[in-house]
PDB file of N, CA and C in Angstrom:
ATOM      1  N   UNK A   1      33.983   2.548 -18.016  1.00  0.00           N
ATOM      2  CA  UNK A   1      33.444   2.983 -16.745  1.00  0.00           C
ATOM      3  C   UNK A   1      32.204   2.161 -16.441  1.00  0.00           C
ATOM      4  N   UNK A   2      32.024   1.912 -15.151  1.00  0.00           N
ATOM      5  CA  UNK A   2      30.809   1.265 -14.686  1.00  0.00           C
ATOM      6  C   UNK A   2      30.297   2.011 -13.465  1.00  0.00           C
ATOM      7  N   UNK A   3      29.021   1.882 -13.195  1.00  0.00           N
ATOM      8  CA  UNK A   3      28.406   2.543 -12.044  1.00  0.00           C
ATOM      9  C   UNK A   3      27.150   3.268 -12.472  1.00  0.00           C
ATOM     10  N   UNK A   4      26.337   3.597 -11.502  1.00  0.00           N
ATOM     11  CA  UNK A   4      25.149   4.393 -11.784  1.00  0.00           C
ATOM     12  C   UNK A   4      25.521   5.865 -11.663  1.00  0.00           C
ATOM     13  N   UNK A   5      24.995   6.690 -12.535  1.00  0.00           N
ATOM     14  CA  UNK A   5      25.249   8.131 -12.460  1.00  0.00           C
ATOM     15  C   UNK A   5      23.986   8.775 -11.900  1.00  0.00           C
ATOM     16  N   UNK A   6      24.111   9.318 -10.701  1.00  0.00           N
ATOM     17  CA  UNK A   6      22.972   9.920 -10.015  1.00  0.00           C
ATOM     18  C   UNK A   6      22.760  11.358 -10.496  1.00  0.00           C
ATOM     19  N   UNK A   7      21.610  11.945 -10.189  1.00  0.00           N
ATOM     20  CA  UNK A   7      21.292  13.297 -10.648  1.00  0.00           C
ATOM     21  C   UNK A   7      22.241  14.348 -10.087  1.00  0.00           C
ATOM     22  N   UNK A   8      22.871  14.067  -8.946  1.00  0.00           N
ATOM     23  CA  UNK A   8      23.832  15.018  -8.380  1.00  0.00           C
ATOM     24  C   UNK A   8      25.245  14.820  -8.928  1.00  0.00           C
ATOM     25  N   UNK A   9      25.409  13.890  -9.873  1.00  0.00           N
ATOM     26  CA  UNK A   9      26.717  13.644 -10.477  1.00  0.00           C
ATOM     27  C   UNK A   9      27.544  12.593  -9.767  1.00  0.00           C
ATOM     28  N   UNK A  10      27.040  12.059  -8.666  1.00  0.00           N
ATOM     29  CA  UNK A  10      27.790  11.011  -7.967  1.00  0.00           C
ATOM     30  C   UNK A  10      27.652   9.688  -8.719  1.00  0.00           C
ATOM     31  N   UNK A  11      28.667   8.841  -8.554  1.00  0.00           N
ATOM     32  CA  UNK A  11      28.682   7.532  -9.197  1.00  0.00           C
ATOM     33  C   UNK A  11      28.353   6.490  -8.135  1.00  0.00           C
ATOM     34  N   UNK A  12      27.272   5.748  -8.335  1.00  0.00           N
ATOM     35  CA  UNK A  12      26.826   4.766  -7.356  1.00  0.00           C
ATOM     36  C   UNK A  12      27.401   3.385  -7.591  1.00  0.00           C
ATOM     37  N   UNK A  13      27.382   2.581  -6.553  1.00  0.00           N
ATOM     38  CA  UNK A  13      27.913   1.219  -6.589  1.00  0.00           C
ATOM     39  C   UNK A  13      27.068   0.317  -7.489  1.00  0.00           C
ATOM     40  N   UNK A  14      27.694  -0.764  -7.944  1.00  0.00           N
ATOM     41  CA  UNK A  14      27.037  -1.737  -8.812  1.00  0.00           C
ATOM     42  C   UNK A  14      27.371  -3.147  -8.334  1.00  0.00           C
ATOM     43  N   UNK A  15      26.726  -4.139  -8.883  1.00  0.00           N
ATOM     44  CA  UNK A  15      27.039  -5.534  -8.599  1.00  0.00           C
ATOM     45  C   UNK A  15      27.842  -6.134  -9.744  1.00  0.00           C
ATOM     46  N   UNK A  16      28.419  -7.299  -9.502  1.00  0.00           N
ATOM     47  CA  UNK A  16      29.134  -8.011 -10.558  1.00  0.00           C
ATOM     48  C   UNK A  16      30.437  -7.369 -10.989  1.00  0.00           C
ATOM     49  N   UNK A  17      31.100  -6.665 -10.086  1.00  0.00           N
ATOM     50  CA  UNK A  17      32.309  -5.931 -10.476  1.00  0.00           C
ATOM     51  C   UNK A  17      33.410  -6.858 -10.977  1.00  0.00           C
ATOM     52  N   UNK A  18      33.624  -7.988 -10.329  1.00  0.00           N
ATOM     53  CA  UNK A  18      34.687  -8.895 -10.789  1.00  0.00           C
ATOM     54  C   UNK A  18      34.430  -9.364 -12.218  1.00  0.00           C
ATOM     55  N   UNK A  19      33.182  -9.663 -12.551  1.00  0.00           N
ATOM     56  CA  UNK A  19      32.851 -10.091 -13.904  1.00  0.00           C
ATOM     57  C   UNK A  19      33.074  -8.961 -14.905  1.00  0.00           C
ATOM     58  N   UNK A  20      32.745  -7.748 -14.507  1.00  0.00           N
ATOM     59  CA  UNK A  20      32.954  -6.603 -15.395  1.00  0.00           C
ATOM     60  C   UNK A  20      34.443  -6.355 -15.614  1.00  0.00           C
ATOM     61  N   UNK A  21      35.246  -6.520 -14.562  1.00  0.00           N
ATOM     62  CA  UNK A  21      36.699  -6.377 -14.703  1.00  0.00           C
ATOM     63  C   UNK A  21      37.223  -7.415 -15.694  1.00  0.00           C
ATOM     64  N   UNK A  22      36.767  -8.649 -15.584  1.00  0.00           N
ATOM     65  CA  UNK A  22      37.208  -9.704 -16.506  1.00  0.00           C
ATOM     66  C   UNK A  22      36.856  -9.347 -17.949  1.00  0.00           C
ATOM     67  N   UNK A  23      35.661  -8.811 -18.168  1.00  0.00           N
ATOM     68  CA  UNK A  23      35.248  -8.418 -19.519  1.00  0.00           C
ATOM     69  C   UNK A  23      36.109  -7.276 -20.045  1.00  0.00           C
ATOM     70  N   UNK A  24      36.410  -6.306 -19.192  1.00  0.00           N
ATOM     71  CA  UNK A  24      37.238  -5.171 -19.612  1.00  0.00           C
ATOM     72  C   UNK A  24      38.651  -5.643 -19.941  1.00  0.00           C
ATOM     73  N   UNK A  25      39.187  -6.567 -19.165  1.00  0.00           N
ATOM     74  CA  UNK A  25      40.528  -7.118 -19.454  1.00  0.00           C
ATOM     75  C   UNK A  25      40.572  -7.692 -20.863  1.00  0.00           C
ATOM     76  N   UNK A  26      39.522  -8.389 -21.261  1.00  0.00           N
ATOM     77  CA  UNK A  26      39.485  -9.018 -22.592  1.00  0.00           C
ATOM     78  C   UNK A  26      39.517  -7.993 -23.720  1.00  0.00           C
ATOM     79  N   UNK A  27      39.090  -6.766 -23.457  1.00  0.00           N
ATOM     80  CA  UNK A  27      39.104  -5.742 -24.510  1.00  0.00           C
ATOM     81  C   UNK A  27      40.492  -5.171 -24.740  1.00  0.00           C
ATOM     82  N   UNK A  28      41.403  -5.370 -23.767  1.00  0.00           N
ATOM     83  CA  UNK A  28      42.740  -4.792 -23.884  1.00  0.00           C
ATOM     84  C   UNK A  28      42.837  -3.375 -23.349  1.00  0.00           C
ATOM     85  N   UNK A  29      41.814  -2.914 -22.639  1.00  0.00           N
ATOM     86  CA  UNK A  29      41.838  -1.558 -22.074  1.00  0.00           C
ATOM     87  C   UNK A  29      42.983  -1.416 -21.074  1.00  0.00           C
ATOM     88  N   UNK A  30      43.500  -0.204 -20.949  1.00  0.00           N
ATOM     89  CA  UNK A  30      44.596   0.079 -20.013  1.00  0.00           C
ATOM     90  C   UNK A  30      44.075   0.400 -18.618  1.00  0.00           C
ATOM     91  N   UNK A  31      42.849   0.947 -18.534  1.00  0.00           N
ATOM     92  CA  UNK A  31      42.290   1.306 -17.231  1.00  0.00           C
ATOM     93  C   UNK A  31      40.778   1.157 -17.258  1.00  0.00           C
ATOM     94  N   UNK A  32      40.197   1.086 -16.045  1.00  0.00           N
ATOM     95  CA  UNK A  32      38.759   0.885 -15.884  1.00  0.00           C
ATOM     96  C   UNK A  32      38.294   1.757 -14.730  1.00  0.00           C
ATOM     97  N   UNK A  33      37.370   2.664 -14.996  1.00  0.00           N
ATOM     98  CA  UNK A  33      36.830   3.554 -13.970  1.00  0.00           C
ATOM     99  C   UNK A  33      35.722   2.833 -13.213  1.00  0.00           C
ATOM    100  N   UNK A  34      35.864   2.782 -11.882  1.00  0.00           N
ATOM    101  CA  UNK A  34      34.871   2.102 -11.046  1.00  0.00           C
ATOM    102  C   UNK A  34      34.464   3.016  -9.894  1.00  0.00           C
ATOM    103  N   UNK A  35      33.267   2.838  -9.357  1.00  0.00           N
ATOM    104  CA  UNK A  35      32.792   3.711  -8.278  1.00  0.00           C
ATOM    105  C   UNK A  35      33.567   3.520  -6.971  1.00  0.00           C
ATOM    106  N   UNK A  36      33.965   4.620  -6.349  1.00  0.00           N
ATOM    107  CA  UNK A  36      34.549   4.523  -5.011  1.00  0.00           C
ATOM    108  C   UNK A  36      33.502   3.999  -4.033  1.00  0.00           C
ATOM    109  N   UNK A  37      32.225   4.150  -4.376  1.00  0.00           N
ATOM    110  CA  UNK A  37      31.135   3.668  -3.526  1.00  0.00           C
ATOM    111  C   UNK A  37      31.178   2.153  -3.335  1.00  0.00           C
ATOM    112  N   UNK A  38      31.967   1.443  -4.146  1.00  0.00           N
ATOM    113  CA  UNK A  38      32.116  -0.002  -3.975  1.00  0.00           C
ATOM    114  C   UNK A  38      32.751  -0.330  -2.628  1.00  0.00           C
ATOM    115  N   UNK A  39      33.553   0.599  -2.091  1.00  0.00           N
ATOM    116  CA  UNK A  39      34.298   0.310  -0.867  1.00  0.00           C
ATOM    117  C   UNK A  39      35.472  -0.607  -1.174  1.00  0.00           C
ATOM    118  N   UNK A  40      36.327  -0.829  -0.215  1.00  0.00           N
ATOM    119  CA  UNK A  40      37.515  -1.667  -0.422  1.00  0.00           C
ATOM    120  C   UNK A  40      37.217  -3.150  -0.285  1.00  0.00           C
ATOM    121  N   UNK A  41      36.338  -3.509   0.644  1.00  0.00           N
ATOM    122  CA  UNK A  41      36.151  -4.909   1.006  1.00  0.00           C
ATOM    123  C   UNK A  41      34.910  -5.518   0.374  1.00  0.00           C
ATOM    124  N   UNK A  42      34.817  -6.824   0.455  1.00  0.00           N
ATOM    125  CA  UNK A  42      33.649  -7.536  -0.046  1.00  0.00           C
ATOM    126  C   UNK A  42      33.864  -8.058  -1.449  1.00  0.00           C
ATOM    127  N   UNK A  43      32.938  -8.896  -1.885  1.00  0.00           N
ATOM    128  CA  UNK A  43      33.071  -9.550  -3.179  1.00  0.00           C
ATOM    129  C   UNK A  43      33.070  -8.550  -4.341  1.00  0.00           C
ATOM    130  N   UNK A  44      32.377  -7.433  -4.199  1.00  0.00           N
ATOM    131  CA  UNK A  44      32.359  -6.398  -5.235  1.00  0.00           C
ATOM    132  C   UNK A  44      33.168  -5.177  -4.821  1.00  0.00           C
ATOM    133  N   UNK A  45      34.123  -5.360  -3.918  1.00  0.00           N
ATOM    134  CA  UNK A  45      34.952  -4.258  -3.444  1.00  0.00           C
ATOM    135  C   UNK A  45      36.130  -3.970  -4.359  1.00  0.00           C
ATOM    136  N   UNK A  46      36.749  -2.820  -4.135  1.00  0.00           N
ATOM    137  CA  UNK A  46      37.878  -2.392  -4.959  1.00  0.00           C
ATOM    138  C   UNK A  46      39.079  -3.320  -4.830  1.00  0.00           C
ATOM    139  N   UNK A  47      39.311  -3.891  -3.648  1.00  0.00           N
ATOM    140  CA  UNK A  47      40.439  -4.814  -3.479  1.00  0.00           C
ATOM    141  C   UNK A  47      40.273  -6.035  -4.382  1.00  0.00           C
ATOM    142  N   UNK A  48      39.071  -6.585  -4.453  1.00  0.00           N
ATOM    143  CA  UNK A  48      38.808  -7.729  -5.336  1.00  0.00           C
ATOM    144  C   UNK A  48      38.928  -7.323  -6.802  1.00  0.00           C
ATOM    145  N   UNK A  49      38.490  -6.117  -7.123  1.00  0.00           N
ATOM    146  CA  UNK A  49      38.602  -5.637  -8.504  1.00  0.00           C
ATOM    147  C   UNK A  49      40.066  -5.529  -8.912  1.00  0.00           C
ATOM    148  N   UNK A  50      40.902  -4.992  -8.022  1.00  0.00           N
ATOM    149  CA  UNK A  50      42.337  -4.884  -8.331  1.00  0.00           C
ATOM    150  C   UNK A  50      42.963  -6.262  -8.512  1.00  0.00           C
ATOM    151  N   UNK A  51      42.562  -7.210  -7.671  1.00  0.00           N
ATOM    152  CA  UNK A  51      43.096  -8.565  -7.783  1.00  0.00           C
ATOM    153  C   UNK A  51      42.692  -9.179  -9.129  1.00  0.00           C
ATOM    154  N   UNK A  52      41.427  -9.022  -9.511  1.00  0.00           N
ATOM    155  CA  UNK A  52      40.935  -9.565 -10.776  1.00  0.00           C
ATOM    156  C   UNK A  52      41.582  -8.878 -11.974  1.00  0.00           C
ATOM    157  N   UNK A  53      41.945  -7.608 -11.815  1.00  0.00           N
ATOM    158  CA  UNK A  53      42.543  -6.848 -12.915  1.00  0.00           C
ATOM    159  C   UNK A  53      43.971  -7.286 -13.202  1.00  0.00           C
ATOM    160  N   UNK A  54      44.694  -7.712 -12.175  1.00  0.00           N
ATOM    161  CA  UNK A  54      46.090  -8.092 -12.381  1.00  0.00           C
ATOM    162  C   UNK A  54      46.943  -6.888 -12.716  1.00  0.00           C
ATOM    163  N   UNK A  55      48.082  -7.140 -13.348  1.00  0.00           N
ATOM    164  CA  UNK A  55      49.031  -6.070 -13.651  1.00  0.00           C
ATOM    165  C   UNK A  55      48.681  -5.271 -14.903  1.00  0.00           C
ATOM    166  N   UNK A  56      47.880  -5.824 -15.802  1.00  0.00           N
ATOM    167  CA  UNK A  56      47.653  -5.177 -17.083  1.00  0.00           C
ATOM    168  C   UNK A  56      46.511  -4.187 -17.149  1.00  0.00           C
ATOM    169  N   UNK A  57      45.749  -4.046 -16.074  1.00  0.00           N
ATOM    170  CA  UNK A  57      44.579  -3.172 -16.091  1.00  0.00           C
ATOM    171  C   UNK A  57      44.555  -2.344 -14.817  1.00  0.00           C
ATOM    172  N   UNK A  58      44.588  -1.030 -14.964  1.00  0.00           N
ATOM    173  CA  UNK A  58      44.541  -0.131 -13.807  1.00  0.00           C
ATOM    174  C   UNK A  58      43.090   0.097 -13.395  1.00  0.00           C
ATOM    175  N   UNK A  59      42.789  -0.125 -12.128  1.00  0.00           N
ATOM    176  CA  UNK A  59      41.471   0.176 -11.570  1.00  0.00           C
ATOM    177  C   UNK A  59      41.530   1.603 -11.030  1.00  0.00           C
ATOM    178  N   UNK A  60      40.662   2.472 -11.552  1.00  0.00           N
ATOM    179  CA  UNK A  60      40.657   3.887 -11.175  1.00  0.00           C
ATOM    180  C   UNK A  60      39.341   4.200 -10.465  1.00  0.00           C
ATOM    181  N   UNK A  61      39.364   4.336  -9.135  1.00  0.00           N
ATOM    182  CA  UNK A  61      38.140   4.667  -8.408  1.00  0.00           C
ATOM    183  C   UNK A  61      37.734   6.127  -8.629  1.00  0.00           C
ATOM    184  N   UNK A  62      36.453   6.353  -8.893  1.00  0.00           N
ATOM    185  CA  UNK A  62      35.923   7.707  -9.067  1.00  0.00           C
ATOM    186  C   UNK A  62      34.626   7.843  -8.277  1.00  0.00           C
ATOM    187  N   UNK A  63      34.414   9.017  -7.698  1.00  0.00           N
ATOM    188  CA  UNK A  63      33.220   9.261  -6.888  1.00  0.00           C
ATOM    189  C   UNK A  63      32.160  10.056  -7.634  1.00  0.00           C
ATOM    190  N   UNK A  64      32.582  10.845  -8.631  1.00  0.00           N
ATOM    191  CA  UNK A  64      31.654  11.718  -9.349  1.00  0.00           C
ATOM    192  C   UNK A  64      31.925  11.663 -10.847  1.00  0.00           C
ATOM    193  N   UNK A  65      30.965  12.113 -11.621  1.00  0.00           N
ATOM    194  CA  UNK A  65      31.142  12.201 -13.064  1.00  0.00           C
ATOM    195  C   UNK A  65      32.299  13.132 -13.393  1.00  0.00           C
ATOM    196  N   UNK A  66      32.442  14.219 -12.642  1.00  0.00           N
ATOM    197  CA  UNK A  66      33.551  15.148 -12.851  1.00  0.00           C
ATOM    198  C   UNK A  66      34.897  14.442 -12.660  1.00  0.00           C
ATOM    199  N   UNK A  67      35.020  13.630 -11.616  1.00  0.00           N
ATOM    200  CA  UNK A  67      36.258  12.872 -11.396  1.00  0.00           C
ATOM    201  C   UNK A  67      36.509  11.887 -12.538  1.00  0.00           C
ATOM    202  N   UNK A  68      35.457  11.268 -13.040  1.00  0.00           N
ATOM    203  CA  UNK A  68      35.601  10.326 -14.147  1.00  0.00           C
ATOM    204  C   UNK A  68      36.130  11.034 -15.387  1.00  0.00           C
ATOM    205  N   UNK A  69      35.558  12.187 -15.702  1.00  0.00           N
ATOM    206  CA  UNK A  69      36.019  12.946 -16.863  1.00  0.00           C
ATOM    207  C   UNK A  69      37.462  13.398 -16.685  1.00  0.00           C
ATOM    208  N   UNK A  70      37.821  13.832 -15.480  1.00  0.00           N
ATOM    209  CA  UNK A  70      39.198  14.248 -15.204  1.00  0.00           C
ATOM    210  C   UNK A  70      40.164  13.074 -15.369  1.00  0.00           C
ATOM    211  N   UNK A  71      39.777  11.901 -14.906  1.00  0.00           N
ATOM    212  CA  UNK A  71      40.623  10.713 -15.052  1.00  0.00           C
ATOM    213  C   UNK A  71      40.848  10.387 -16.523  1.00  0.00           C
ATOM    214  N   UNK A  72      39.821  10.546 -17.348  1.00  0.00           N
ATOM    215  CA  UNK A  72      39.967  10.303 -18.783  1.00  0.00           C
ATOM    216  C   UNK A  72      40.907  11.311 -19.420  1.00  0.00           C
ATOM    217  N   UNK A  73      40.779  12.572 -19.038  1.00  0.00           N
ATOM    218  CA  UNK A  73      41.656  13.618 -19.576  1.00  0.00           C
ATOM    219  C   UNK A  73      43.101  13.338 -19.186  1.00  0.00           C
ATOM    220  N   UNK A  74      43.339  12.986 -17.926  1.00  0.00           N
ATOM    221  CA  UNK A  74      44.699  12.736 -17.441  1.00  0.00           C
ATOM    222  C   UNK A  74      45.344  11.537 -18.121  1.00  0.00           C
ATOM    223  N   UNK A  75      44.576  10.496 -18.391  1.00  0.00           N
ATOM    224  CA  UNK A  75      45.146   9.270 -18.935  1.00  0.00           C
ATOM    225  C   UNK A  75      45.169   9.248 -20.456  1.00  0.00           C
ATOM    226  N   UNK A  76      44.271   9.974 -21.089  1.00  0.00           N
ATOM    227  CA  UNK A  76      44.242  10.011 -22.546  1.00  0.00           C
ATOM    228  C   UNK A  76      44.003   8.626 -23.130  1.00  0.00           C
ATOM    229  N   UNK A  77      44.521   8.401 -24.313  1.00  0.00           N
ATOM    230  CA  UNK A  77      44.397   7.093 -24.952  1.00  0.00           C
ATOM    231  C   UNK A  77      43.331   7.077 -26.023  1.00  0.00           C
ATOM    232  N   UNK A  78      43.160   5.911 -26.579  1.00  0.00           N
ATOM    233  CA  UNK A  78      42.201   5.701 -27.649  1.00  0.00           C
ATOM    234  C   UNK A  78      41.024   4.888 -27.116  1.00  0.00           C
ATOM    235  N   UNK A  79      39.791   5.335 -27.340  1.00  0.00           N
ATOM    236  CA  UNK A  79      38.636   4.580 -26.849  1.00  0.00           C
ATOM    237  C   UNK A  79      38.582   3.175 -27.450  1.00  0.00           C
ATOM    238  N   UNK A  80      38.094   2.232 -26.672  1.00  0.00           N
ATOM    239  CA  UNK A  80      37.879   0.863 -27.140  1.00  0.00           C
ATOM    240  C   UNK A  80      36.536   0.848 -27.877  1.00  0.00           C
ATOM    241  N   UNK A  81      36.486   0.298 -29.103  1.00  0.00           N
ATOM    242  CA  UNK A  81      35.207   0.254 -29.818  1.00  0.00           C
ATOM    243  C   UNK A  81      34.183  -0.610 -29.086  1.00  0.00           C
ATOM    244  N   UNK A  82      32.917  -0.295 -29.286  1.00  0.00           N
ATOM    245  CA  UNK A  82      31.833  -1.088 -28.695  1.00  0.00           C
ATOM    246  C   UNK A  82      31.912  -2.516 -29.207  1.00  0.00           C
ATOM    247  N   UNK A  83      31.661  -3.481 -28.334  1.00  0.00           N
ATOM    248  CA  UNK A  83      31.729  -4.887 -28.717  1.00  0.00           C
ATOM    249  C   UNK A  83      30.472  -5.367 -29.422  1.00  0.00           C
ATOM    250  N   UNK A  84      29.374  -4.657 -29.267  1.00  0.00           N
ATOM    251  CA  UNK A  84      28.099  -5.116 -29.829  1.00  0.00           C
ATOM    252  C   UNK A  84      27.678  -4.332 -31.064  1.00  0.00           C
ATOM    253  N   UNK A  85      28.572  -3.607 -31.667  1.00  0.00           N
ATOM    254  CA  UNK A  85      28.236  -2.906 -32.892  1.00  0.00           C
ATOM    255  C   UNK A  85      27.644  -1.533 -32.668  1.00  0.00           C
ATOM    256  N   UNK A  86      26.956  -1.062 -33.667  1.00  0.00           N
ATOM    257  CA  UNK A  86      26.387   0.279 -33.667  1.00  0.00           C
ATOM    258  C   UNK A  86      25.265   0.415 -32.644  1.00  0.00           C
ATOM    259  N   UNK A  87      25.107   1.625 -32.140  1.00  0.00           N
ATOM    260  CA  UNK A  87      23.998   1.915 -31.236  1.00  0.00           C
ATOM    261  C   UNK A  87      22.696   1.873 -32.019  1.00  0.00           C
ATOM    262  N   UNK A  88      21.662   1.373 -31.394  1.00  0.00           N
ATOM    263  CA  UNK A  88      20.348   1.316 -32.040  1.00  0.00           C
ATOM    264  C   UNK A  88      19.404   2.374 -31.493  1.00  0.00           C
ATOM    265  N   UNK A  89      19.958   3.318 -30.752  1.00  0.00           N
ATOM    266  CA  UNK A  89      19.142   4.379 -30.175  1.00  0.00           C
ATOM    267  C   UNK A  89      18.782   5.368 -31.274  1.00  0.00           C
ATOM    268  N   UNK A  90      17.515   5.662 -31.405  1.00  0.00           N
ATOM    269  CA  UNK A  90      17.066   6.632 -32.398  1.00  0.00           C
ATOM    270  C   UNK A  90      16.927   7.986 -31.739  1.00  0.00           C
ATOM    271  N   UNK A  91      17.291   9.029 -32.451  1.00  0.00           N
ATOM    272  CA  UNK A  91      17.215  10.331 -31.828  1.00  0.00           C
ATOM    273  C   UNK A  91      16.694  11.365 -32.653  1.00  0.00           C
TER     274      UNK A  91
END
């Protein structure tokens, strides 16, 4: 998933969507959750994301965190491991 998560649970638009789609394709993921706030048109729009994804990666637009969680439940699958190793966040 990509996007900003706002305090009201909405998912905000981001830049560099085509590059993020290319990176997700390399992981072998089956689907990629992206903000509906991207809109359909423009260089970072959903139409360009679908084109960059090709046939092997489903682009799933979501507007809220709740929709994102529902999409994950519906699709299931196995999470892709982090590419950069263990988290360094201390808690």
